Amino acid sequence: MLDALTRPREDEDSVIDALSRSLAELRVETAKAQTFHWNVRGISFQSLHALFQKIYEEHFTAQDILAERIKALGGHVDGRLETTLRLGTISECDGYINAGKMVSRLALDQKILSDTFLQIATTAENANDIVTSDLAIGRAKVHDQFWWILDAHLPE
């Protein structure tokens, strides 16, 4: 098995690129959850207000972990918002939607994030980077759980 000192640079670059895209997606999702936290209204206000806060706080902490992993692999973290929006696939929202749509959009995004991290786990495994693979699998679990919680709020 290759260690970090003998891993081919192109393998590390593919992992760094994948982590950078996931960080961008997570940054947009964090902002969206916080926007929804500020703007949610309706009968479920209290529970959704608290849930959205739990999501954006967890995601904010995760951003730092991802950025640190990118740096540990020798990459650069571009924190500009324009780069974040260009790299990610998750779209922004201004919060002018009802609570049900907020939940639905966040649930879909959590599924996207989970899938993204599962792809990163595979990319990292192929690059013999078990640390990043483990990190990505852990992130997929978090997003799967948030997806389940959000999905449980939606009508059948």
N, C-alpha and C. Protein backbone atom coordinates (compact mmCIF):
# COMPACT_ATOMS: atom_id res chain seq x y z
N MET A 1 0.84 -1.17 0.00
CA MET A 1 0.00 0.00 0.00
C MET A 1 0.89 1.25 0.00
N LEU A 2 0.49 2.24 -0.78
CA LEU A 2 1.25 3.47 -0.87
C LEU A 2 0.93 4.38 0.31
N ASP A 3 1.96 5.05 0.83
CA ASP A 3 1.69 6.04 1.85
C ASP A 3 1.72 7.43 1.22
N ALA A 4 1.48 8.45 2.02
CA ALA A 4 1.37 9.81 1.50
C ALA A 4 2.66 10.28 0.82
N LEU A 5 3.79 9.76 1.22
CA LEU A 5 5.06 10.19 0.63
C LEU A 5 5.32 9.57 -0.73
N THR A 6 4.70 8.42 -1.02
CA THR A 6 4.94 7.75 -2.30
C THR A 6 3.71 7.75 -3.20
N ARG A 7 2.63 8.35 -2.75
CA ARG A 7 1.40 8.42 -3.56
C ARG A 7 1.65 9.32 -4.75
N PRO A 8 1.26 8.92 -5.95
CA PRO A 8 1.45 9.78 -7.13
C PRO A 8 0.72 11.12 -6.97
N ARG A 9 1.36 12.20 -7.42
CA ARG A 9 0.80 13.54 -7.29
C ARG A 9 -0.56 13.66 -7.98
N GLU A 10 -0.72 13.02 -9.13
CA GLU A 10 -2.00 13.12 -9.84
C GLU A 10 -3.14 12.49 -9.04
N ASP A 11 -2.83 11.46 -8.25
CA ASP A 11 -3.85 10.87 -7.38
C ASP A 11 -4.25 11.85 -6.28
N GLU A 12 -3.25 12.48 -5.68
CA GLU A 12 -3.55 13.48 -4.66
C GLU A 12 -4.34 14.64 -5.25
N ASP A 13 -3.97 15.06 -6.45
CA ASP A 13 -4.68 16.17 -7.09
C ASP A 13 -6.15 15.83 -7.34
N SER A 14 -6.44 14.60 -7.71
CA SER A 14 -7.84 14.22 -7.93
C SER A 14 -8.63 14.23 -6.62
N VAL A 15 -7.99 13.83 -5.55
CA VAL A 15 -8.64 13.87 -4.24
C VAL A 15 -8.84 15.32 -3.79
N ILE A 16 -7.82 16.15 -3.97
CA ILE A 16 -7.93 17.56 -3.61
C ILE A 16 -9.04 18.23 -4.40
N ASP A 17 -9.12 17.97 -5.69
CA ASP A 17 -10.18 18.55 -6.52
C ASP A 17 -11.56 18.13 -6.03
N ALA A 18 -11.71 16.86 -5.72
CA ALA A 18 -12.99 16.36 -5.23
C ALA A 18 -13.35 16.99 -3.88
N LEU A 19 -12.37 17.10 -3.00
CA LEU A 19 -12.62 17.74 -1.70
C LEU A 19 -12.96 19.21 -1.88
N SER A 20 -12.32 19.88 -2.80
CA SER A 20 -12.60 21.30 -3.04
C SER A 20 -14.03 21.50 -3.54
N ARG A 21 -14.49 20.63 -4.42
CA ARG A 21 -15.88 20.71 -4.90
C ARG A 21 -16.85 20.43 -3.76
N SER A 22 -16.54 19.46 -2.92
CA SER A 22 -17.44 19.15 -1.81
C SER A 22 -17.47 20.29 -0.80
N LEU A 23 -16.34 20.92 -0.57
CA LEU A 23 -16.29 22.07 0.33
C LEU A 23 -17.16 23.20 -0.22
N ALA A 24 -17.09 23.43 -1.51
CA ALA A 24 -17.93 24.46 -2.13
C ALA A 24 -19.41 24.14 -1.95
N GLU A 25 -19.79 22.90 -2.20
CA GLU A 25 -21.19 22.50 -2.02
C GLU A 25 -21.63 22.67 -0.58
N LEU A 26 -20.77 22.29 0.34
CA LEU A 26 -21.10 22.39 1.76
C LEU A 26 -21.23 23.85 2.19
N ARG A 27 -20.40 24.72 1.64
CA ARG A 27 -20.48 26.14 1.99
C ARG A 27 -21.81 26.74 1.54
N VAL A 28 -22.25 26.38 0.33
CA VAL A 28 -23.54 26.88 -0.16
C VAL A 28 -24.68 26.32 0.69
N GLU A 29 -24.60 25.04 1.02
CA GLU A 29 -25.64 24.42 1.84
C GLU A 29 -25.70 25.03 3.24
N THR A 30 -24.55 25.36 3.79
CA THR A 30 -24.50 26.01 5.10
C THR A 30 -25.23 27.35 5.05
N ALA A 31 -24.92 28.14 4.04
CA ALA A 31 -25.57 29.45 3.88
C ALA A 31 -27.07 29.30 3.66
N LYS A 32 -27.46 28.29 2.89
CA LYS A 32 -28.88 28.08 2.62
C LYS A 32 -29.61 27.69 3.90
N ALA A 33 -29.04 26.79 4.68
CA ALA A 33 -29.68 26.37 5.93
C ALA A 33 -29.80 27.55 6.88
N GLN A 34 -28.79 28.41 6.91
CA GLN A 34 -28.86 29.58 7.79
C GLN A 34 -29.91 30.58 7.28
N THR A 35 -29.99 30.77 5.99
CA THR A 35 -31.02 31.64 5.41
C THR A 35 -32.41 31.12 5.76
N PHE A 36 -32.60 29.82 5.65
CA PHE A 36 -33.90 29.23 5.99
C PHE A 36 -34.18 29.37 7.49
N HIS A 37 -33.16 29.21 8.31
CA HIS A 37 -33.29 29.39 9.76
C HIS A 37 -33.82 30.80 10.07
N TRP A 38 -33.29 31.78 9.38
CA TRP A 38 -33.71 33.17 9.61
C TRP A 38 -35.13 33.44 9.11
N ASN A 39 -35.56 32.73 8.07
CA ASN A 39 -36.80 33.10 7.37
C ASN A 39 -37.95 32.12 7.51
N VAL A 40 -37.76 30.99 8.17
CA VAL A 40 -38.84 30.01 8.26
C VAL A 40 -40.03 30.59 9.02
N ARG A 41 -41.21 30.22 8.58
CA ARG A 41 -42.45 30.68 9.20
C ARG A 41 -43.44 29.52 9.21
N GLY A 42 -44.45 29.64 10.03
CA GLY A 42 -45.52 28.66 10.02
C GLY A 42 -45.61 27.85 11.30
N ILE A 43 -46.52 26.89 11.27
CA ILE A 43 -46.84 26.08 12.43
C ILE A 43 -45.63 25.29 12.95
N SER A 44 -44.72 24.95 12.06
CA SER A 44 -43.53 24.17 12.44
C SER A 44 -42.32 25.05 12.71
N PHE A 45 -42.56 26.34 12.92
CA PHE A 45 -41.45 27.28 13.08
C PHE A 45 -40.41 26.80 14.07
N GLN A 46 -40.82 26.51 15.30
CA GLN A 46 -39.86 26.20 16.36
C GLN A 46 -38.98 25.00 16.01
N SER A 47 -39.60 23.92 15.56
CA SER A 47 -38.81 22.72 15.27
C SER A 47 -37.91 22.92 14.05
N LEU A 48 -38.41 23.59 13.02
CA LEU A 48 -37.59 23.81 11.83
C LEU A 48 -36.49 24.84 12.09
N HIS A 49 -36.82 25.87 12.83
CA HIS A 49 -35.82 26.88 13.18
C HIS A 49 -34.64 26.20 13.88
N ALA A 50 -34.93 25.32 14.82
CA ALA A 50 -33.87 24.60 15.56
C ALA A 50 -33.14 23.61 14.66
N LEU A 51 -33.87 22.89 13.81
CA LEU A 51 -33.25 21.92 12.91
C LEU A 51 -32.31 22.60 11.93
N PHE A 52 -32.77 23.68 11.32
CA PHE A 52 -31.93 24.40 10.35
C PHE A 52 -30.66 24.91 11.03
N GLN A 53 -30.79 25.37 12.28
CA GLN A 53 -29.60 25.82 13.01
C GLN A 53 -28.65 24.66 13.25
N LYS A 54 -29.19 23.52 13.64
CA LYS A 54 -28.34 22.34 13.87
C LYS A 54 -27.58 21.98 12.59
N ILE A 55 -28.26 22.06 11.46
CA ILE A 55 -27.63 21.74 10.18
C ILE A 55 -26.51 22.72 9.87
N TYR A 56 -26.81 24.03 9.91
CA TYR A 56 -25.76 24.97 9.50
C TYR A 56 -24.60 25.00 10.48
N GLU A 57 -24.83 24.77 11.75
CA GLU A 57 -23.72 24.73 12.70
C GLU A 57 -22.84 23.51 12.46
N GLU A 58 -23.45 22.37 12.22
CA GLU A 58 -22.67 21.15 11.94
C GLU A 58 -21.87 21.34 10.65
N HIS A 59 -22.51 21.88 9.64
CA HIS A 59 -21.86 22.07 8.34
C HIS A 59 -20.72 23.08 8.43
N PHE A 60 -20.90 24.12 9.24
CA PHE A 60 -19.85 25.11 9.39
C PHE A 60 -18.59 24.47 9.97
N THR A 61 -18.76 23.64 10.99
CA THR A 61 -17.62 22.93 11.58
C THR A 61 -16.97 22.00 10.56
N ALA A 62 -17.79 21.33 9.76
CA ALA A 62 -17.27 20.39 8.76
C ALA A 62 -16.45 21.11 7.69
N GLN A 63 -16.82 22.34 7.37
CA GLN A 63 -16.06 23.10 6.37
C GLN A 63 -14.59 23.20 6.77
N ASP A 64 -14.35 23.47 8.03
CA ASP A 64 -12.97 23.61 8.52
C ASP A 64 -12.22 22.29 8.42
N ILE A 65 -12.90 21.20 8.74
CA ILE A 65 -12.27 19.88 8.66
C ILE A 65 -11.88 19.55 7.22
N LEU A 66 -12.78 19.85 6.28
CA LEU A 66 -12.48 19.61 4.87
C LEU A 66 -11.33 20.49 4.38
N ALA A 67 -11.37 21.76 4.76
CA ALA A 67 -10.29 22.68 4.35
C ALA A 67 -8.95 22.21 4.89
N GLU A 68 -8.93 21.76 6.14
CA GLU A 68 -7.68 21.28 6.73
C GLU A 68 -7.17 20.03 6.03
N ARG A 69 -8.10 19.17 5.58
CA ARG A 69 -7.66 17.96 4.85
C ARG A 69 -7.07 18.34 3.49
N ILE A 70 -7.69 19.32 2.84
CA ILE A 70 -7.14 19.80 1.56
C ILE A 70 -5.72 20.32 1.78
N LYS A 71 -5.52 21.10 2.83
CA LYS A 71 -4.19 21.63 3.12
C LYS A 71 -3.21 20.51 3.46
N ALA A 72 -3.66 19.50 4.20
CA ALA A 72 -2.79 18.39 4.58
C ALA A 72 -2.31 17.62 3.35
N LEU A 73 -3.13 17.64 2.29
CA LEU A 73 -2.75 16.95 1.05
C LEU A 73 -1.93 17.84 0.12
N GLY A 74 -1.66 19.06 0.57
CA GLY A 74 -0.82 19.96 -0.22
C GLY A 74 -1.60 20.88 -1.14
N GLY A 75 -2.91 20.95 -0.95
CA GLY A 75 -3.74 21.80 -1.80
C GLY A 75 -3.89 23.21 -1.25
N HIS A 76 -4.58 24.01 -2.02
CA HIS A 76 -4.89 25.40 -1.64
C HIS A 76 -6.40 25.52 -1.51
N VAL A 77 -6.86 26.22 -0.48
CA VAL A 77 -8.28 26.43 -0.26
C VAL A 77 -8.62 27.85 -0.70
N ASP A 78 -9.38 27.95 -1.77
CA ASP A 78 -9.81 29.25 -2.29
C ASP A 78 -11.14 29.59 -1.64
N GLY A 79 -11.13 30.55 -0.72
CA GLY A 79 -12.32 30.88 0.05
C GLY A 79 -13.23 31.91 -0.59
N ARG A 80 -12.92 32.32 -1.81
CA ARG A 80 -13.77 33.32 -2.44
C ARG A 80 -15.15 32.76 -2.75
N LEU A 81 -16.17 33.58 -2.53
CA LEU A 81 -17.54 33.15 -2.80
C LEU A 81 -17.76 32.86 -4.27
N GLU A 82 -17.14 33.62 -5.16
CA GLU A 82 -17.30 33.36 -6.60
C GLU A 82 -16.78 31.97 -6.96
N THR A 83 -15.68 31.56 -6.34
CA THR A 83 -15.14 30.22 -6.59
C THR A 83 -16.08 29.16 -6.01
N THR A 84 -16.58 29.43 -4.82
CA THR A 84 -17.51 28.50 -4.18
C THR A 84 -18.72 28.25 -5.08
N LEU A 85 -19.31 29.31 -5.60
CA LEU A 85 -20.50 29.16 -6.45
C LEU A 85 -20.18 28.50 -7.78
N ARG A 86 -18.99 28.71 -8.28
CA ARG A 86 -18.59 28.10 -9.55
C ARG A 86 -18.32 26.60 -9.40
N LEU A 87 -17.70 26.20 -8.30
CA LEU A 87 -17.32 24.80 -8.11
C LEU A 87 -18.48 23.90 -7.70
N GLY A 88 -19.39 24.42 -6.93
CA GLY A 88 -20.45 23.59 -6.37
C GLY A 88 -21.61 23.36 -7.33
N THR A 89 -22.40 22.35 -7.02
CA THR A 89 -23.60 22.04 -7.81
C THR A 89 -24.88 22.40 -7.06
N ILE A 90 -24.77 22.71 -5.79
CA ILE A 90 -25.93 23.08 -4.99
C ILE A 90 -26.20 24.57 -5.20
N SER A 91 -27.47 24.90 -5.41
CA SER A 91 -27.82 26.29 -5.72
C SER A 91 -28.21 27.05 -4.46
N GLU A 92 -28.04 28.35 -4.53
CA GLU A 92 -28.43 29.24 -3.44
C GLU A 92 -29.95 29.41 -3.42
N CYS A 93 -30.45 30.00 -2.35
CA CYS A 93 -31.87 30.35 -2.25
C CYS A 93 -31.98 31.58 -1.36
N ASP A 94 -32.85 32.50 -1.73
CA ASP A 94 -32.99 33.74 -0.97
C ASP A 94 -33.93 33.61 0.24
N GLY A 95 -34.56 32.47 0.40
CA GLY A 95 -35.42 32.24 1.56
C GLY A 95 -36.86 32.69 1.37
N TYR A 96 -37.21 33.14 0.19
CA TYR A 96 -38.59 33.55 -0.10
C TYR A 96 -39.42 32.36 -0.56
N ILE A 97 -39.42 31.31 0.24
CA ILE A 97 -40.23 30.12 -0.06
C ILE A 97 -40.87 29.64 1.24
N ASN A 98 -41.87 28.80 1.12
CA ASN A 98 -42.54 28.32 2.34
C ASN A 98 -41.71 27.24 3.03
N ALA A 99 -42.10 26.92 4.25
CA ALA A 99 -41.34 25.98 5.07
C ALA A 99 -41.23 24.60 4.42
N GLY A 100 -42.31 24.14 3.79
CA GLY A 100 -42.27 22.84 3.13
C GLY A 100 -41.23 22.78 2.03
N LYS A 101 -41.14 23.84 1.24
CA LYS A 101 -40.13 23.88 0.17
C LYS A 101 -38.72 24.00 0.75
N MET A 102 -38.60 24.71 1.85
CA MET A 102 -37.30 24.78 2.51
C MET A 102 -36.82 23.39 2.90
N VAL A 103 -37.70 22.63 3.53
CA VAL A 103 -37.35 21.27 3.96
C VAL A 103 -37.03 20.40 2.76
N SER A 104 -37.85 20.49 1.73
CA SER A 104 -37.66 19.68 0.53
C SER A 104 -36.32 19.98 -0.14
N ARG A 105 -35.99 21.25 -0.25
CA ARG A 105 -34.72 21.63 -0.90
C ARG A 105 -33.52 21.20 -0.08
N LEU A 106 -33.59 21.38 1.24
CA LEU A 106 -32.48 20.93 2.07
C LEU A 106 -32.33 19.42 2.04
N ALA A 107 -33.44 18.70 2.00
CA ALA A 107 -33.38 17.23 1.92
C ALA A 107 -32.68 16.80 0.64
N LEU A 108 -33.07 17.40 -0.48
CA LEU A 108 -32.43 17.06 -1.76
C LEU A 108 -30.94 17.37 -1.70
N ASP A 109 -30.59 18.51 -1.16
CA ASP A 109 -29.17 18.88 -1.05
C ASP A 109 -28.39 17.90 -0.18
N GLN A 110 -29.00 17.43 0.89
CA GLN A 110 -28.32 16.47 1.76
C GLN A 110 -28.04 15.17 1.01
N LYS A 111 -28.96 14.77 0.15
CA LYS A 111 -28.76 13.58 -0.67
C LYS A 111 -27.60 13.81 -1.65
N ILE A 112 -27.57 15.01 -2.25
CA ILE A 112 -26.48 15.36 -3.16
C ILE A 112 -25.14 15.30 -2.42
N LEU A 113 -25.11 15.88 -1.23
CA LEU A 113 -23.87 15.88 -0.45
C LEU A 113 -23.45 14.46 -0.08
N SER A 114 -24.38 13.64 0.31
CA SER A 114 -24.06 12.25 0.64
C SER A 114 -23.45 11.54 -0.56
N ASP A 115 -24.08 11.69 -1.71
CA ASP A 115 -23.56 11.06 -2.93
C ASP A 115 -22.18 11.60 -3.29
N THR A 116 -21.99 12.90 -3.12
CA THR A 116 -20.69 13.51 -3.39
C THR A 116 -19.61 12.89 -2.51
N PHE A 117 -19.91 12.75 -1.23
CA PHE A 117 -18.90 12.19 -0.32
C PHE A 117 -18.65 10.71 -0.57
N LEU A 118 -19.65 9.98 -0.99
CA LEU A 118 -19.42 8.57 -1.35
C LEU A 118 -18.52 8.47 -2.57
N GLN A 119 -18.68 9.39 -3.51
CA GLN A 119 -17.78 9.42 -4.68
C GLN A 119 -16.35 9.77 -4.26
N ILE A 120 -16.23 10.70 -3.32
CA ILE A 120 -14.91 11.06 -2.82
C ILE A 120 -14.26 9.86 -2.13
N ALA A 121 -15.04 9.10 -1.38
CA ALA A 121 -14.49 7.92 -0.71
C ALA A 121 -13.89 6.96 -1.73
N THR A 122 -14.58 6.76 -2.83
CA THR A 122 -14.07 5.88 -3.89
C THR A 122 -12.82 6.46 -4.53
N THR A 123 -12.85 7.75 -4.85
CA THR A 123 -11.68 8.41 -5.43
C THR A 123 -10.49 8.30 -4.51
N ALA A 124 -10.71 8.53 -3.22
CA ALA A 124 -9.62 8.47 -2.24
C ALA A 124 -9.10 7.04 -2.10
N GLU A 125 -10.00 6.07 -2.07
CA GLU A 125 -9.56 4.67 -2.00
C GLU A 125 -8.70 4.31 -3.19
N ASN A 126 -9.13 4.73 -4.37
CA ASN A 126 -8.36 4.45 -5.58
C ASN A 126 -6.99 5.11 -5.55
N ALA A 127 -6.87 6.19 -4.79
CA ALA A 127 -5.59 6.89 -4.64
C ALA A 127 -4.82 6.39 -3.41
N ASN A 128 -5.32 5.32 -2.79
CA ASN A 128 -4.70 4.77 -1.59
C ASN A 128 -4.63 5.77 -0.45
N ASP A 129 -5.66 6.59 -0.34
CA ASP A 129 -5.75 7.60 0.71
C ASP A 129 -6.91 7.20 1.63
N ILE A 130 -6.61 6.31 2.57
CA ILE A 130 -7.67 5.80 3.44
C ILE A 130 -8.15 6.83 4.45
N VAL A 131 -7.31 7.81 4.77
CA VAL A 131 -7.72 8.86 5.71
C VAL A 131 -8.85 9.69 5.10
N THR A 132 -8.66 10.12 3.86
CA THR A 132 -9.70 10.91 3.19
C THR A 132 -10.93 10.05 2.92
N SER A 133 -10.72 8.78 2.58
CA SER A 133 -11.85 7.88 2.36
C SER A 133 -12.69 7.76 3.62
N ASP A 134 -12.02 7.59 4.74
CA ASP A 134 -12.73 7.49 6.03
C ASP A 134 -13.48 8.78 6.34
N LEU A 135 -12.83 9.91 6.12
CA LEU A 135 -13.47 11.21 6.34
C LEU A 135 -14.72 11.34 5.47
N ALA A 136 -14.60 10.97 4.21
CA ALA A 136 -15.73 11.08 3.28
C ALA A 136 -16.89 10.16 3.66
N ILE A 137 -16.59 8.96 4.09
CA ILE A 137 -17.65 8.04 4.52
C ILE A 137 -18.36 8.61 5.76
N GLY A 138 -17.60 9.17 6.68
CA GLY A 138 -18.20 9.81 7.85
C GLY A 138 -19.12 10.96 7.46
N ARG A 139 -18.67 11.77 6.50
CA ARG A 139 -19.50 12.89 6.02
C ARG A 139 -20.77 12.35 5.35
N ALA A 140 -20.67 11.32 4.57
CA ALA A 140 -21.86 10.74 3.92
C ALA A 140 -22.87 10.30 4.97
N LYS A 141 -22.40 9.71 6.05
CA LYS A 141 -23.30 9.29 7.13
C LYS A 141 -24.05 10.48 7.73
N VAL A 142 -23.34 11.58 7.96
CA VAL A 142 -23.96 12.78 8.52
C VAL A 142 -25.06 13.28 7.58
N HIS A 143 -24.74 13.36 6.30
CA HIS A 143 -25.72 13.90 5.33
C HIS A 143 -26.89 12.94 5.14
N ASP A 144 -26.63 11.65 5.21
CA ASP A 144 -27.73 10.68 5.15
C ASP A 144 -28.68 10.88 6.33
N GLN A 145 -28.13 11.11 7.51
CA GLN A 145 -28.98 11.31 8.68
C GLN A 145 -29.79 12.61 8.56
N PHE A 146 -29.16 13.69 8.12
CA PHE A 146 -29.91 14.93 7.93
C PHE A 146 -30.98 14.75 6.85
N TRP A 147 -30.67 14.01 5.79
CA TRP A 147 -31.67 13.74 4.75
C TRP A 147 -32.88 13.03 5.39
N TRP A 148 -32.62 12.00 6.18
CA TRP A 148 -33.71 11.24 6.79
C TRP A 148 -34.56 12.12 7.69
N ILE A 149 -33.92 12.95 8.50
CA ILE A 149 -34.67 13.83 9.41
C ILE A 149 -35.52 14.82 8.61
N LEU A 150 -34.94 15.42 7.60
CA LEU A 150 -35.69 16.37 6.77
C LEU A 150 -36.81 15.67 6.02
N ASP A 151 -36.52 14.53 5.46
CA ASP A 151 -37.53 13.77 4.70
C ASP A 151 -38.71 13.40 5.60
N ALA A 152 -38.47 13.13 6.86
CA ALA A 152 -39.53 12.76 7.80
C ALA A 152 -40.49 13.93 8.04
N HIS A 153 -40.06 15.15 7.75
CA HIS A 153 -40.93 16.32 7.89
C HIS A 153 -41.87 16.52 6.69
N LEU A 154 -41.59 15.83 5.61
CA LEU A 154 -42.38 16.02 4.39
C LEU A 154 -43.63 15.15 4.40
N PRO A 155 -44.72 15.65 3.80
CA PRO A 155 -45.94 14.84 3.73
C PRO A 155 -45.71 13.60 2.87
N GLU A 156 -46.45 12.55 3.18
CA GLU A 156 -46.32 11.29 2.42
C GLU A 156 -46.99 11.41 1.08
